[in-house]
Amino acid sequence: MNYFLGPLKKYAVFSGRASRREYAGFLISLIVIGILLGLIEGALNIAPESNHSVLANLFSLAVLLPWLAISVRRLHDLNKSGYWVLVFFVPIVGQIVILVLMLIRGDTAENAHGEPNEA
């Protein structure tokens, strides 16, 4: 639960660093919650004519800014500019590049973006 609530508390903080553990925990939380919302929507028969989950889409829109913020902080942990997050919006190739970047171990020492985050 802390992996989800921690980044939400810093929903618009684009400075500092985020560890791989913090980023992965938040991302996994988002995926699980999205799946649960889709299941709930299916059980309650909300918008049965749609192939997309309305609740999951609204949730995705609500957590877009926190996701961008933690992604920028994760890139800072790699000593990269936060503007690298824009690569994600390049279809397929950009998403693969960002996924690979997010899996790389961050700097263990202080870098231009501050001290490493131990969380």
N, C-alpha and C. Protein backbone atom coordinates (compact mmCIF):
# COMPACT_ATOMS: atom_id res chain seq x y z
N MET A 1 0.83 -1.20 0.00
CA MET A 1 0.00 0.00 0.00
C MET A 1 0.87 1.25 0.00
N ASN A 2 2.01 1.19 0.68
CA ASN A 2 2.90 2.34 0.74
C ASN A 2 3.51 2.65 -0.63
N TYR A 3 3.68 1.61 -1.46
CA TYR A 3 4.22 1.84 -2.80
C TYR A 3 3.25 2.65 -3.65
N PHE A 4 1.96 2.56 -3.34
CA PHE A 4 0.97 3.32 -4.09
C PHE A 4 0.76 4.70 -3.48
N LEU A 5 0.65 4.76 -2.17
CA LEU A 5 0.35 6.04 -1.51
C LEU A 5 1.56 6.97 -1.46
N GLY A 6 2.76 6.43 -1.34
CA GLY A 6 3.96 7.27 -1.29
C GLY A 6 4.09 8.19 -2.50
N PRO A 7 4.07 7.62 -3.72
CA PRO A 7 4.13 8.48 -4.90
C PRO A 7 2.92 9.41 -5.05
N LEU A 8 1.76 8.97 -4.57
CA LEU A 8 0.59 9.85 -4.65
C LEU A 8 0.76 11.08 -3.77
N LYS A 9 1.45 10.92 -2.64
CA LYS A 9 1.69 12.07 -1.75
C LYS A 9 2.62 13.07 -2.42
N LYS A 10 3.48 12.58 -3.32
CA LYS A 10 4.39 13.46 -4.07
C LYS A 10 3.92 13.55 -5.52
N TYR A 11 2.61 13.72 -5.72
CA TYR A 11 2.01 13.60 -7.04
C TYR A 11 2.53 14.60 -8.07
N ALA A 12 3.01 15.75 -7.64
CA ALA A 12 3.50 16.75 -8.60
C ALA A 12 4.93 17.15 -8.30
N VAL A 13 5.68 16.28 -7.64
CA VAL A 13 7.08 16.57 -7.31
C VAL A 13 7.94 15.94 -8.41
N PHE A 14 8.53 16.79 -9.23
CA PHE A 14 9.34 16.33 -10.34
C PHE A 14 10.83 16.42 -10.04
N SER A 15 11.19 16.85 -8.85
CA SER A 15 12.60 16.94 -8.48
C SER A 15 12.93 15.78 -7.54
N GLY A 16 14.19 15.46 -7.47
CA GLY A 16 14.63 14.36 -6.62
C GLY A 16 14.76 13.07 -7.42
N ARG A 17 14.82 11.98 -6.67
CA ARG A 17 15.06 10.69 -7.30
C ARG A 17 14.09 9.64 -6.77
N ALA A 18 13.84 8.61 -7.58
CA ALA A 18 13.00 7.48 -7.17
C ALA A 18 13.73 6.19 -7.51
N SER A 19 13.74 5.26 -6.58
CA SER A 19 14.44 3.99 -6.78
C SER A 19 13.64 3.07 -7.71
N ARG A 20 14.30 2.02 -8.16
CA ARG A 20 13.60 1.02 -8.99
C ARG A 20 12.46 0.40 -8.22
N ARG A 21 12.70 0.12 -6.94
CA ARG A 21 11.68 -0.51 -6.10
C ARG A 21 10.44 0.39 -5.98
N GLU A 22 10.67 1.68 -5.75
CA GLU A 22 9.55 2.62 -5.62
C GLU A 22 8.76 2.69 -6.93
N TYR A 23 9.47 2.80 -8.04
CA TYR A 23 8.82 2.90 -9.35
C TYR A 23 8.05 1.62 -9.68
N ALA A 24 8.69 0.46 -9.49
CA ALA A 24 8.05 -0.82 -9.82
C ALA A 24 6.84 -1.05 -8.93
N GLY A 25 6.96 -0.73 -7.64
CA GLY A 25 5.83 -0.90 -6.73
C GLY A 25 4.64 -0.06 -7.14
N PHE A 26 4.90 1.18 -7.55
CA PHE A 26 3.82 2.06 -7.98
C PHE A 26 3.19 1.54 -9.27
N LEU A 27 4.02 1.13 -10.21
CA LEU A 27 3.51 0.64 -11.50
C LEU A 27 2.68 -0.63 -11.32
N ILE A 28 3.16 -1.55 -10.50
CA ILE A 28 2.41 -2.79 -10.25
C ILE A 28 1.09 -2.47 -9.55
N SER A 29 1.10 -1.52 -8.63
CA SER A 29 -0.14 -1.10 -7.96
C SER A 29 -1.14 -0.54 -8.96
N LEU A 30 -0.66 0.28 -9.89
CA LEU A 30 -1.54 0.84 -10.91
C LEU A 30 -2.17 -0.26 -11.77
N ILE A 31 -1.38 -1.24 -12.14
CA ILE A 31 -1.88 -2.33 -12.98
C ILE A 31 -2.93 -3.14 -12.24
N VAL A 32 -2.64 -3.49 -10.98
CA VAL A 32 -3.58 -4.29 -10.18
C VAL A 32 -4.89 -3.53 -9.97
N ILE A 33 -4.81 -2.26 -9.63
CA ILE A 33 -6.02 -1.46 -9.42
C ILE A 33 -6.82 -1.34 -10.72
N GLY A 34 -6.14 -1.14 -11.84
CA GLY A 34 -6.82 -1.07 -13.13
C GLY A 34 -7.56 -2.36 -13.47
N ILE A 35 -6.93 -3.49 -13.20
CA ILE A 35 -7.58 -4.79 -13.45
C ILE A 35 -8.78 -4.96 -12.53
N LEU A 36 -8.62 -4.62 -11.25
CA LEU A 36 -9.74 -4.73 -10.31
C LEU A 36 -10.91 -3.83 -10.72
N LEU A 37 -10.61 -2.63 -11.16
CA LEU A 37 -11.68 -1.74 -11.61
C LEU A 37 -12.40 -2.31 -12.83
N GLY A 38 -11.65 -2.91 -13.73
CA GLY A 38 -12.25 -3.55 -14.89
C GLY A 38 -13.15 -4.71 -14.50
N LEU A 39 -12.71 -5.51 -13.52
CA LEU A 39 -13.52 -6.62 -13.04
C LEU A 39 -14.79 -6.13 -12.34
N ILE A 40 -14.65 -5.09 -11.54
CA ILE A 40 -15.80 -4.52 -10.85
C ILE A 40 -16.81 -3.98 -11.86
N GLU A 41 -16.28 -3.31 -12.87
CA GLU A 41 -17.16 -2.77 -13.91
C GLU A 41 -17.90 -3.88 -14.65
N GLY A 42 -17.21 -4.96 -14.91
CA GLY A 42 -17.84 -6.10 -15.57
C GLY A 42 -18.91 -6.74 -14.70
N ALA A 43 -18.61 -6.86 -13.40
CA ALA A 43 -19.58 -7.47 -12.47
C ALA A 43 -20.82 -6.60 -12.30
N LEU A 44 -20.64 -5.28 -12.31
CA LEU A 44 -21.77 -4.36 -12.14
C LEU A 44 -22.46 -4.03 -13.47
N ASN A 45 -21.89 -4.56 -14.55
CA ASN A 45 -22.45 -4.35 -15.89
C ASN A 45 -22.53 -2.86 -16.26
N ILE A 46 -21.46 -2.15 -15.95
CA ILE A 46 -21.38 -0.73 -16.29
C ILE A 46 -20.88 -0.61 -17.73
N ALA A 47 -21.57 0.14 -18.54
CA ALA A 47 -21.21 0.37 -19.95
C ALA A 47 -20.91 -0.93 -20.68
N PRO A 48 -21.89 -1.87 -20.75
CA PRO A 48 -21.63 -3.16 -21.40
C PRO A 48 -21.39 -3.04 -22.91
N GLU A 49 -21.83 -1.95 -23.52
CA GLU A 49 -21.64 -1.79 -24.97
C GLU A 49 -20.21 -1.38 -25.32
N SER A 50 -19.42 -1.01 -24.32
CA SER A 50 -18.05 -0.55 -24.55
C SER A 50 -17.06 -1.69 -24.37
N ASN A 51 -16.02 -1.70 -25.19
CA ASN A 51 -14.95 -2.69 -25.05
C ASN A 51 -13.88 -2.22 -24.07
N HIS A 52 -13.99 -0.98 -23.60
CA HIS A 52 -13.01 -0.41 -22.69
C HIS A 52 -13.63 -0.19 -21.33
N SER A 53 -12.82 -0.34 -20.31
CA SER A 53 -13.29 -0.12 -18.94
C SER A 53 -13.34 1.38 -18.65
N VAL A 54 -14.53 1.88 -18.41
CA VAL A 54 -14.70 3.31 -18.13
C VAL A 54 -14.02 3.66 -16.80
N LEU A 55 -14.22 2.82 -15.77
CA LEU A 55 -13.62 3.10 -14.46
C LEU A 55 -12.10 3.06 -14.53
N ALA A 56 -11.55 2.07 -15.21
CA ALA A 56 -10.09 1.96 -15.33
C ALA A 56 -9.53 3.15 -16.12
N ASN A 57 -10.24 3.61 -17.14
CA ASN A 57 -9.78 4.77 -17.91
C ASN A 57 -9.81 6.04 -17.07
N LEU A 58 -10.86 6.21 -16.27
CA LEU A 58 -10.93 7.37 -15.38
C LEU A 58 -9.81 7.32 -14.34
N PHE A 59 -9.54 6.13 -13.82
CA PHE A 59 -8.45 5.96 -12.86
C PHE A 59 -7.11 6.29 -13.52
N SER A 60 -6.91 5.83 -14.74
CA SER A 60 -5.67 6.12 -15.47
C SER A 60 -5.47 7.62 -15.66
N LEU A 61 -6.54 8.30 -15.97
CA LEU A 61 -6.47 9.75 -16.14
C LEU A 61 -6.13 10.42 -14.81
N ALA A 62 -6.69 9.91 -13.72
CA ALA A 62 -6.46 10.50 -12.39
C ALA A 62 -5.01 10.33 -11.93
N VAL A 63 -4.35 9.24 -12.33
CA VAL A 63 -2.99 8.98 -11.86
C VAL A 63 -1.94 9.32 -12.93
N LEU A 64 -2.34 10.01 -13.98
CA LEU A 64 -1.38 10.37 -15.03
C LEU A 64 -0.27 11.28 -14.50
N LEU A 65 -0.63 12.32 -13.76
CA LEU A 65 0.38 13.25 -13.23
C LEU A 65 1.31 12.56 -12.22
N PRO A 66 0.79 11.77 -11.27
CA PRO A 66 1.72 11.05 -10.38
C PRO A 66 2.63 10.09 -11.13
N TRP A 67 2.12 9.44 -12.18
CA TRP A 67 2.96 8.54 -12.96
C TRP A 67 4.07 9.32 -13.68
N LEU A 68 3.72 10.46 -14.25
CA LEU A 68 4.74 11.29 -14.90
C LEU A 68 5.79 11.74 -13.90
N ALA A 69 5.35 12.15 -12.71
CA ALA A 69 6.28 12.64 -11.69
C ALA A 69 7.24 11.54 -11.24
N ILE A 70 6.72 10.35 -10.95
CA ILE A 70 7.62 9.28 -10.49
C ILE A 70 8.52 8.81 -11.63
N SER A 71 8.04 8.87 -12.86
CA SER A 71 8.88 8.50 -14.01
C SER A 71 10.03 9.48 -14.17
N VAL A 72 9.76 10.76 -14.00
CA VAL A 72 10.82 11.77 -14.09
C VAL A 72 11.83 11.57 -12.95
N ARG A 73 11.33 11.31 -11.74
CA ARG A 73 12.25 11.08 -10.61
C ARG A 73 13.07 9.81 -10.83
N ARG A 74 12.48 8.80 -11.46
CA ARG A 74 13.22 7.56 -11.76
C ARG A 74 14.32 7.85 -12.78
N LEU A 75 14.00 8.66 -13.78
CA LEU A 75 15.03 9.04 -14.76
C LEU A 75 16.14 9.86 -14.09
N HIS A 76 15.78 10.69 -13.13
CA HIS A 76 16.78 11.45 -12.39
C HIS A 76 17.71 10.49 -11.64
N ASP A 77 17.19 9.37 -11.15
CA ASP A 77 18.02 8.39 -10.46
C ASP A 77 19.06 7.80 -11.40
N LEU A 78 18.76 7.82 -12.69
CA LEU A 78 19.71 7.34 -13.70
C LEU A 78 20.60 8.46 -14.22
N ASN A 79 20.47 9.64 -13.62
CA ASN A 79 21.21 10.85 -14.00
C ASN A 79 20.86 11.27 -15.43
N LYS A 80 19.59 11.10 -15.78
CA LYS A 80 19.09 11.53 -17.08
C LYS A 80 18.09 12.66 -16.88
N SER A 81 17.89 13.45 -17.89
CA SER A 81 16.93 14.54 -17.84
C SER A 81 15.51 13.98 -17.78
N GLY A 82 14.63 14.68 -17.11
CA GLY A 82 13.23 14.28 -17.04
C GLY A 82 12.54 14.32 -18.39
N TYR A 83 13.09 15.07 -19.33
CA TYR A 83 12.50 15.15 -20.66
C TYR A 83 12.54 13.81 -21.39
N TRP A 84 13.35 12.87 -20.91
CA TRP A 84 13.39 11.55 -21.51
C TRP A 84 12.03 10.85 -21.41
N VAL A 85 11.19 11.27 -20.47
CA VAL A 85 9.88 10.66 -20.31
C VAL A 85 9.03 10.86 -21.58
N LEU A 86 9.33 11.87 -22.35
CA LEU A 86 8.59 12.12 -23.59
C LEU A 86 8.80 11.01 -24.62
N VAL A 87 9.90 10.27 -24.49
CA VAL A 87 10.17 9.14 -25.39
C VAL A 87 9.06 8.10 -25.26
N PHE A 88 8.45 8.01 -24.08
CA PHE A 88 7.37 7.04 -23.84
C PHE A 88 6.23 7.20 -24.83
N PHE A 89 6.00 8.42 -25.28
CA PHE A 89 4.86 8.70 -26.15
C PHE A 89 5.12 8.37 -27.62
N VAL A 90 6.31 7.85 -27.94
CA VAL A 90 6.59 7.33 -29.28
C VAL A 90 6.07 5.90 -29.29
N PRO A 91 5.12 5.58 -30.17
CA PRO A 91 4.49 4.25 -30.13
C PRO A 91 5.51 3.10 -30.20
N ILE A 92 5.29 2.12 -29.40
CA ILE A 92 6.00 0.85 -29.28
C ILE A 92 7.49 1.02 -28.96
N VAL A 93 8.27 1.61 -29.85
CA VAL A 93 9.71 1.73 -29.64
C VAL A 93 10.00 2.57 -28.40
N GLY A 94 9.31 3.69 -28.24
CA GLY A 94 9.53 4.56 -27.10
C GLY A 94 9.17 3.88 -25.79
N GLN A 95 8.11 3.09 -25.80
CA GLN A 95 7.70 2.40 -24.59
C GLN A 95 8.70 1.33 -24.20
N ILE A 96 9.29 0.65 -25.18
CA ILE A 96 10.31 -0.35 -24.90
C ILE A 96 11.56 0.33 -24.35
N VAL A 97 11.95 1.46 -24.94
CA VAL A 97 13.13 2.19 -24.47
C VAL A 97 12.94 2.63 -23.02
N ILE A 98 11.78 3.18 -22.69
CA ILE A 98 11.52 3.64 -21.33
C ILE A 98 11.51 2.45 -20.37
N LEU A 99 10.91 1.34 -20.76
CA LEU A 99 10.89 0.16 -19.90
C LEU A 99 12.30 -0.31 -19.58
N VAL A 100 13.15 -0.35 -20.59
CA VAL A 100 14.54 -0.77 -20.37
C VAL A 100 15.25 0.23 -19.45
N LEU A 101 15.05 1.52 -19.69
CA LEU A 101 15.68 2.53 -18.83
C LEU A 101 15.23 2.38 -17.37
N MET A 102 13.96 2.12 -17.16
CA MET A 102 13.44 2.02 -15.80
C MET A 102 13.97 0.80 -15.06
N LEU A 103 14.46 -0.20 -15.80
CA LEU A 103 14.99 -1.41 -15.18
C LEU A 103 16.46 -1.30 -14.83
N ILE A 104 17.14 -0.30 -15.37
CA ILE A 104 18.56 -0.12 -15.11
C ILE A 104 18.77 0.36 -13.68
N ARG A 105 19.81 -0.15 -13.04
CA ARG A 105 20.14 0.27 -11.67
C ARG A 105 20.55 1.73 -11.69
N GLY A 106 20.05 2.49 -10.74
CA GLY A 106 20.35 3.92 -10.64
C GLY A 106 21.74 4.16 -10.07
N ASP A 107 22.15 5.43 -10.09
CA ASP A 107 23.42 5.80 -9.51
C ASP A 107 23.40 5.54 -8.01
N THR A 108 24.49 4.97 -7.49
CA THR A 108 24.56 4.69 -6.06
C THR A 108 25.09 5.88 -5.28
N ALA A 109 25.69 6.81 -5.97
CA ALA A 109 26.23 8.01 -5.32
C ALA A 109 25.36 9.21 -5.66
N GLU A 110 25.66 10.31 -5.04
CA GLU A 110 24.93 11.54 -5.33
C GLU A 110 25.18 11.94 -6.78
N ASN A 111 24.14 12.39 -7.45
CA ASN A 111 24.31 12.90 -8.81
C ASN A 111 23.71 14.30 -8.88
N ALA A 112 23.53 14.81 -10.07
CA ALA A 112 23.04 16.18 -10.24
C ALA A 112 21.64 16.39 -9.69
N HIS A 113 20.92 15.30 -9.41
CA HIS A 113 19.54 15.38 -8.95
C HIS A 113 19.38 15.08 -7.48
N GLY A 114 20.47 14.88 -6.77
CA GLY A 114 20.40 14.69 -5.33
C GLY A 114 20.93 13.34 -4.87
N GLU A 115 20.67 13.07 -3.59
CA GLU A 115 21.10 11.82 -2.97
C GLU A 115 20.23 10.65 -3.46
N PRO A 116 20.78 9.43 -3.45
CA PRO A 116 19.96 8.28 -3.84
C PRO A 116 18.82 8.06 -2.86
N ASN A 117 17.71 7.57 -3.36
CA ASN A 117 16.55 7.27 -2.54
C ASN A 117 16.63 5.81 -2.14
N GLU A 118 16.58 5.52 -0.85
CA GLU A 118 16.74 4.16 -0.37
C GLU A 118 15.42 3.39 -0.35
N ALA A 119 14.30 4.05 -0.66
CA ALA A 119 12.99 3.40 -0.56
C ALA A 119 12.81 2.33 -1.60
